[in-house]
Amino acid sequence: QVQLVESGGGLERPGGSLRLSCAASGMIFSINDMAWYRQAPGKQRELVATITGGGSLNYADSVKGRFTISRDNAKNTVYLQMNRLKPEDTAVYFCNAEILTGQPTPWTLDAWGQGTLVTVSS
C-alpha cells in the first residue's frame, strides 16, 4: 500500500515563509511526476507546481517567483518552499505523485496525500 503524507503547514504572517514536505512510502518502484495542488475555501482545487521525474519545473502564475518545488528521489519526498506568502495563499495543500507500484505486474498509481492547511493571516 502506498501512502503520501504531507507536513509543514500552519499559520504564517503575510510576507513570511513555510516549507511543505510530502513523503511517499510503501511498495514504490519509481516515482514519475510529483506536484502540489491547493484548494481554498469555496474554490476548486488548483495546480500550484509540478516537477517531473527528469526535474523539469512548472508553476502557476500566481506563485511564480515566490514558491519553489523540489524533490529528493532517495527519500521519495517532494517539497514546496513558499516565500513572501500572501493571504490569498491560504488553502489546504495536497501533494500528488505518479507512483509505479504493485506486483506481479507494476502499475501506475495516481496517489494523493491527505492535505495540510496553510493559513496566511496577520
N, C-alpha and C. Protein backbone atom coordinates (compact mmCIF):
# COMPACT_ATOMS: atom_id res chain seq x y z
N GLN A 1 0.84 -1.19 0.00
CA GLN A 1 0.00 0.00 0.00
C GLN A 1 0.88 1.24 0.00
N VAL A 2 0.55 2.17 -0.87
CA VAL A 2 1.33 3.40 -1.00
C VAL A 2 0.62 4.53 -0.27
N GLN A 3 1.40 5.32 0.46
CA GLN A 3 0.86 6.49 1.16
C GLN A 3 1.68 7.71 0.87
N LEU A 4 1.02 8.87 0.82
CA LEU A 4 1.67 10.17 0.77
C LEU A 4 1.27 10.92 2.02
N VAL A 5 2.27 11.41 2.75
CA VAL A 5 2.00 12.13 3.99
C VAL A 5 2.63 13.50 3.93
N GLU A 6 1.78 14.55 4.00
CA GLU A 6 2.27 15.92 3.98
C GLU A 6 2.54 16.41 5.39
N SER A 7 3.43 17.39 5.49
CA SER A 7 3.70 18.06 6.75
C SER A 7 4.21 19.46 6.45
N GLY A 8 4.20 20.31 7.48
CA GLY A 8 4.78 21.63 7.35
C GLY A 8 3.80 22.77 7.25
N GLY A 9 2.50 22.47 7.22
CA GLY A 9 1.53 23.55 7.17
C GLY A 9 1.41 24.26 8.50
N GLY A 10 0.64 25.34 8.50
CA GLY A 10 0.45 26.08 9.73
C GLY A 10 0.03 27.50 9.47
N LEU A 11 0.13 28.32 10.50
CA LEU A 11 -0.23 29.73 10.42
C LEU A 11 1.03 30.57 10.23
N GLU A 12 0.99 31.45 9.26
CA GLU A 12 2.13 32.32 9.00
C GLU A 12 1.61 33.71 8.64
N ARG A 13 2.39 34.73 8.97
CA ARG A 13 2.02 36.10 8.65
C ARG A 13 2.32 36.42 7.19
N PRO A 14 1.61 37.36 6.62
CA PRO A 14 1.93 37.79 5.25
C PRO A 14 3.40 38.20 5.15
N GLY A 15 4.02 37.77 4.06
CA GLY A 15 5.44 38.04 3.87
C GLY A 15 6.35 36.97 4.42
N GLY A 16 5.80 36.07 5.19
CA GLY A 16 6.60 35.02 5.81
C GLY A 16 6.81 33.82 4.88
N SER A 17 7.41 32.78 5.44
CA SER A 17 7.76 31.59 4.66
C SER A 17 7.31 30.32 5.38
N LEU A 18 6.99 29.32 4.59
CA LEU A 18 6.72 27.98 5.09
C LEU A 18 7.31 26.98 4.10
N ARG A 19 7.66 25.82 4.62
CA ARG A 19 8.14 24.74 3.76
C ARG A 19 7.30 23.50 3.99
N LEU A 20 6.66 23.05 2.94
CA LEU A 20 5.86 21.83 3.00
C LEU A 20 6.69 20.64 2.52
N SER A 21 6.44 19.50 3.14
CA SER A 21 7.08 18.26 2.73
C SER A 21 6.01 17.21 2.47
N CYS A 22 6.31 16.29 1.57
CA CYS A 22 5.40 15.19 1.29
C CYS A 22 6.24 13.95 1.02
N ALA A 23 6.11 12.97 1.89
CA ALA A 23 6.89 11.74 1.78
C ALA A 23 6.02 10.58 1.33
N ALA A 24 6.50 9.87 0.33
CA ALA A 24 5.80 8.67 -0.15
C ALA A 24 6.41 7.44 0.49
N SER A 25 5.55 6.48 0.85
CA SER A 25 6.04 5.24 1.45
C SER A 25 5.22 4.07 0.93
N GLY A 26 5.76 2.87 1.15
CA GLY A 26 5.08 1.67 0.68
C GLY A 26 5.87 1.00 -0.43
N MET A 27 5.16 0.21 -1.23
CA MET A 27 5.80 -0.50 -2.32
C MET A 27 5.96 0.46 -3.50
N ILE A 28 7.16 1.00 -3.63
CA ILE A 28 7.43 2.01 -4.66
C ILE A 28 8.59 1.54 -5.51
N PHE A 29 8.36 1.41 -6.80
CA PHE A 29 9.44 1.07 -7.72
C PHE A 29 10.06 2.34 -8.29
N SER A 30 9.24 3.29 -8.61
CA SER A 30 9.73 4.58 -9.08
C SER A 30 8.60 5.59 -8.98
N ILE A 31 8.99 6.87 -9.02
CA ILE A 31 8.02 7.96 -9.00
C ILE A 31 8.28 8.86 -10.18
N ASN A 32 7.26 9.13 -10.97
CA ASN A 32 7.41 10.00 -12.12
C ASN A 32 7.12 11.44 -11.70
N ASP A 33 6.08 12.03 -12.21
CA ASP A 33 5.77 13.42 -11.86
C ASP A 33 5.29 13.54 -10.42
N MET A 34 5.67 14.63 -9.78
CA MET A 34 5.18 14.98 -8.45
C MET A 34 4.66 16.41 -8.51
N ALA A 35 3.66 16.70 -7.69
CA ALA A 35 3.04 18.02 -7.80
C ALA A 35 2.43 18.44 -6.47
N TRP A 36 2.21 19.73 -6.37
CA TRP A 36 1.43 20.30 -5.28
C TRP A 36 0.20 20.99 -5.86
N TYR A 37 -0.93 20.73 -5.23
CA TYR A 37 -2.18 21.40 -5.53
C TYR A 37 -2.65 22.11 -4.26
N ARG A 38 -3.61 23.01 -4.43
CA ARG A 38 -4.22 23.63 -3.26
C ARG A 38 -5.69 23.88 -3.52
N GLN A 39 -6.43 23.93 -2.42
CA GLN A 39 -7.86 24.20 -2.51
C GLN A 39 -8.25 25.17 -1.41
N ALA A 40 -8.64 26.36 -1.82
CA ALA A 40 -9.09 27.38 -0.88
C ALA A 40 -10.57 27.17 -0.58
N PRO A 41 -11.04 27.69 0.55
CA PRO A 41 -12.45 27.52 0.90
C PRO A 41 -13.37 28.03 -0.20
N GLY A 42 -14.32 27.19 -0.62
CA GLY A 42 -15.29 27.59 -1.62
C GLY A 42 -14.77 27.61 -3.05
N LYS A 43 -13.53 27.16 -3.25
CA LYS A 43 -12.94 27.19 -4.59
C LYS A 43 -12.54 25.78 -5.03
N GLN A 44 -12.31 25.65 -6.33
CA GLN A 44 -11.87 24.37 -6.87
C GLN A 44 -10.38 24.16 -6.58
N ARG A 45 -9.99 22.89 -6.57
CA ARG A 45 -8.58 22.57 -6.40
C ARG A 45 -7.81 23.06 -7.61
N GLU A 46 -6.65 23.67 -7.37
CA GLU A 46 -5.84 24.19 -8.46
C GLU A 46 -4.40 23.70 -8.35
N LEU A 47 -3.77 23.60 -9.51
CA LEU A 47 -2.38 23.18 -9.56
C LEU A 47 -1.48 24.32 -9.14
N VAL A 48 -0.54 24.04 -8.25
CA VAL A 48 0.41 25.04 -7.78
C VAL A 48 1.75 24.89 -8.49
N ALA A 49 2.29 23.67 -8.49
CA ALA A 49 3.61 23.45 -9.07
C ALA A 49 3.79 21.97 -9.37
N THR A 50 4.60 21.68 -10.39
CA THR A 50 4.93 20.31 -10.73
C THR A 50 6.42 20.16 -10.95
N ILE A 51 6.90 18.95 -10.71
CA ILE A 51 8.29 18.60 -11.02
C ILE A 51 8.27 17.21 -11.61
N THR A 52 8.85 17.07 -12.80
CA THR A 52 8.84 15.78 -13.47
C THR A 52 9.94 14.88 -12.92
N GLY A 53 9.94 13.64 -13.36
CA GLY A 53 11.00 12.73 -12.94
C GLY A 53 12.37 13.20 -13.42
N GLY A 54 12.38 13.94 -14.51
CA GLY A 54 13.63 14.48 -15.03
C GLY A 54 14.02 15.82 -14.45
N GLY A 55 13.16 16.36 -13.59
CA GLY A 55 13.48 17.61 -12.91
C GLY A 55 12.93 18.86 -13.54
N SER A 56 12.10 18.73 -14.58
CA SER A 56 11.50 19.92 -15.18
C SER A 56 10.44 20.50 -14.24
N LEU A 57 10.38 21.83 -14.20
CA LEU A 57 9.52 22.52 -13.25
C LEU A 57 8.43 23.31 -13.98
N ASN A 58 7.30 23.44 -13.31
CA ASN A 58 6.22 24.27 -13.84
C ASN A 58 5.47 24.86 -12.65
N TYR A 59 5.09 26.15 -12.78
CA TYR A 59 4.43 26.84 -11.69
C TYR A 59 3.18 27.56 -12.19
N ALA A 60 2.20 27.66 -11.30
CA ALA A 60 1.07 28.54 -11.56
C ALA A 60 1.57 29.98 -11.55
N ASP A 61 0.95 30.82 -12.37
CA ASP A 61 1.38 32.21 -12.47
C ASP A 61 1.31 32.91 -11.11
N SER A 62 0.35 32.51 -10.30
CA SER A 62 0.14 33.19 -9.01
C SER A 62 1.25 32.95 -8.01
N VAL A 63 2.09 31.93 -8.24
CA VAL A 63 3.14 31.62 -7.27
C VAL A 63 4.55 31.75 -7.86
N LYS A 64 4.65 32.03 -9.15
CA LYS A 64 5.96 32.16 -9.79
C LYS A 64 6.80 33.22 -9.09
N GLY A 65 8.06 32.86 -8.82
CA GLY A 65 8.96 33.79 -8.17
C GLY A 65 8.86 33.78 -6.66
N ARG A 66 7.85 33.11 -6.11
CA ARG A 66 7.68 33.05 -4.66
C ARG A 66 7.81 31.62 -4.13
N PHE A 67 7.31 30.66 -4.87
CA PHE A 67 7.33 29.26 -4.45
C PHE A 67 8.37 28.47 -5.25
N THR A 68 8.97 27.47 -4.61
CA THR A 68 9.92 26.60 -5.28
C THR A 68 9.60 25.15 -4.94
N ILE A 69 9.41 24.35 -5.98
CA ILE A 69 9.19 22.91 -5.79
C ILE A 69 10.51 22.18 -6.02
N SER A 70 10.76 21.15 -5.20
CA SER A 70 11.95 20.34 -5.36
C SER A 70 11.64 18.93 -4.89
N ARG A 71 12.54 18.01 -5.16
CA ARG A 71 12.31 16.64 -4.75
C ARG A 71 13.63 15.98 -4.37
N ASP A 72 13.53 14.99 -3.49
CA ASP A 72 14.67 14.17 -3.10
C ASP A 72 14.28 12.74 -3.45
N ASN A 73 14.79 12.25 -4.55
CA ASN A 73 14.38 10.92 -5.03
C ASN A 73 14.81 9.81 -4.08
N ALA A 74 15.92 10.00 -3.39
CA ALA A 74 16.39 8.98 -2.45
C ALA A 74 15.42 8.82 -1.28
N LYS A 75 14.71 9.90 -0.96
CA LYS A 75 13.77 9.89 0.16
C LYS A 75 12.32 9.81 -0.31
N ASN A 76 12.11 9.74 -1.61
CA ASN A 76 10.74 9.72 -2.16
C ASN A 76 9.91 10.88 -1.61
N THR A 77 10.52 12.04 -1.60
CA THR A 77 9.91 13.20 -0.97
C THR A 77 9.90 14.40 -1.92
N VAL A 78 8.81 15.14 -1.89
CA VAL A 78 8.71 16.39 -2.64
C VAL A 78 8.49 17.52 -1.64
N TYR A 79 9.06 18.67 -1.96
CA TYR A 79 8.99 19.84 -1.08
C TYR A 79 8.35 21.00 -1.82
N LEU A 80 7.80 21.92 -1.03
CA LEU A 80 7.33 23.19 -1.58
C LEU A 80 7.78 24.29 -0.63
N GLN A 81 8.77 25.05 -1.07
CA GLN A 81 9.23 26.21 -0.30
C GLN A 81 8.38 27.40 -0.71
N MET A 82 7.69 27.98 0.26
CA MET A 82 6.78 29.08 -0.01
C MET A 82 7.30 30.34 0.68
N ASN A 83 7.69 31.31 -0.12
CA ASN A 83 8.20 32.58 0.40
C ASN A 83 7.23 33.72 0.06
N ARG A 84 7.39 34.83 0.74
CA ARG A 84 6.56 36.03 0.51
C ARG A 84 5.09 35.64 0.45
N LEU A 85 4.66 34.93 1.45
CA LEU A 85 3.29 34.44 1.49
C LEU A 85 2.30 35.58 1.52
N LYS A 86 1.15 35.33 0.90
CA LYS A 86 0.06 36.29 0.84
C LYS A 86 -1.21 35.67 1.43
N PRO A 87 -2.13 36.48 1.90
CA PRO A 87 -3.39 35.91 2.42
C PRO A 87 -4.10 35.01 1.41
N GLU A 88 -3.98 35.33 0.14
CA GLU A 88 -4.64 34.50 -0.89
C GLU A 88 -3.97 33.15 -1.10
N ASP A 89 -2.85 32.92 -0.43
CA ASP A 89 -2.23 31.59 -0.46
C ASP A 89 -2.89 30.65 0.55
N THR A 90 -3.78 31.16 1.37
CA THR A 90 -4.46 30.33 2.36
C THR A 90 -5.27 29.24 1.66
N ALA A 91 -4.99 28.00 2.03
CA ALA A 91 -5.65 26.86 1.40
C ALA A 91 -5.17 25.57 2.06
N VAL A 92 -5.85 24.48 1.72
CA VAL A 92 -5.33 23.16 2.04
C VAL A 92 -4.46 22.74 0.85
N TYR A 93 -3.23 22.37 1.16
CA TYR A 93 -2.27 21.98 0.14
C TYR A 93 -2.17 20.45 0.09
N PHE A 94 -2.27 19.92 -1.12
CA PHE A 94 -2.22 18.48 -1.35
C PHE A 94 -1.02 18.14 -2.23
N CYS A 95 -0.34 17.05 -1.91
CA CYS A 95 0.67 16.57 -2.84
C CYS A 95 0.10 15.44 -3.66
N ASN A 96 0.67 15.27 -4.83
CA ASN A 96 0.23 14.28 -5.80
C ASN A 96 1.45 13.67 -6.47
N ALA A 97 1.39 12.37 -6.72
CA ALA A 97 2.54 11.71 -7.35
C ALA A 97 2.08 10.55 -8.20
N GLU A 98 2.78 10.34 -9.31
CA GLU A 98 2.55 9.18 -10.17
C GLU A 98 3.56 8.11 -9.76
N ILE A 99 3.06 7.06 -9.12
CA ILE A 99 3.94 6.08 -8.49
C ILE A 99 3.77 4.72 -9.16
N LEU A 100 4.91 4.16 -9.57
CA LEU A 100 4.91 2.80 -10.12
C LEU A 100 4.97 1.83 -8.94
N THR A 101 3.92 1.01 -8.82
CA THR A 101 3.79 0.15 -7.65
C THR A 101 3.13 -1.16 -8.04
N GLY A 102 3.11 -2.08 -7.09
CA GLY A 102 2.34 -3.31 -7.28
C GLY A 102 3.13 -4.48 -7.82
N GLN A 103 2.62 -5.66 -7.53
CA GLN A 103 3.18 -6.91 -8.05
C GLN A 103 2.03 -7.84 -8.42
N PRO A 104 2.23 -8.86 -9.34
CA PRO A 104 3.47 -9.14 -10.05
C PRO A 104 3.75 -8.17 -11.20
N THR A 105 2.72 -7.50 -11.72
CA THR A 105 2.92 -6.54 -12.81
C THR A 105 2.72 -5.14 -12.28
N PRO A 106 3.78 -4.35 -12.16
CA PRO A 106 3.64 -3.00 -11.63
C PRO A 106 2.70 -2.14 -12.47
N TRP A 107 2.03 -1.22 -11.79
CA TRP A 107 1.12 -0.31 -12.46
C TRP A 107 1.29 1.08 -11.86
N THR A 108 0.80 2.08 -12.58
CA THR A 108 0.99 3.46 -12.15
C THR A 108 -0.21 3.92 -11.33
N LEU A 109 0.09 4.33 -10.10
CA LEU A 109 -0.93 4.84 -9.18
C LEU A 109 -0.87 6.36 -9.15
N ASP A 110 -2.01 6.99 -9.29
CA ASP A 110 -2.12 8.44 -9.13
C ASP A 110 -2.46 8.69 -7.66
N ALA A 111 -1.41 8.92 -6.85
CA ALA A 111 -1.57 8.99 -5.40
C ALA A 111 -1.73 10.41 -4.90
N TRP A 112 -2.53 10.57 -3.85
CA TRP A 112 -2.78 11.87 -3.22
C TRP A 112 -2.53 11.79 -1.72
N GLY A 113 -2.02 12.87 -1.17
CA GLY A 113 -1.91 12.99 0.27
C GLY A 113 -3.22 13.47 0.86
N GLN A 114 -3.25 13.55 2.19
CA GLN A 114 -4.48 13.92 2.88
C GLN A 114 -4.65 15.43 2.99
N GLY A 115 -3.61 16.17 2.70
CA GLY A 115 -3.68 17.63 2.73
C GLY A 115 -3.13 18.21 4.01
N THR A 116 -2.57 19.41 3.90
CA THR A 116 -2.09 20.15 5.05
C THR A 116 -2.55 21.61 4.91
N LEU A 117 -3.05 22.16 5.99
CA LEU A 117 -3.63 23.51 5.95
C LEU A 117 -2.57 24.57 6.11
N VAL A 118 -2.59 25.52 5.20
CA VAL A 118 -1.73 26.71 5.28
C VAL A 118 -2.65 27.92 5.43
N THR A 119 -2.42 28.68 6.49
CA THR A 119 -3.20 29.89 6.74
C THR A 119 -2.25 31.08 6.81
N VAL A 120 -2.51 32.07 5.98
CA VAL A 120 -1.68 33.27 5.95
C VAL A 120 -2.54 34.44 6.43
N SER A 121 -2.19 34.94 7.60
CA SER A 121 -3.01 35.98 8.21
C SER A 121 -2.19 36.75 9.24
N SER A 122 -2.49 38.02 9.37
CA SER A 122 -1.83 38.82 10.39
C SER A 122 -2.62 38.81 11.69
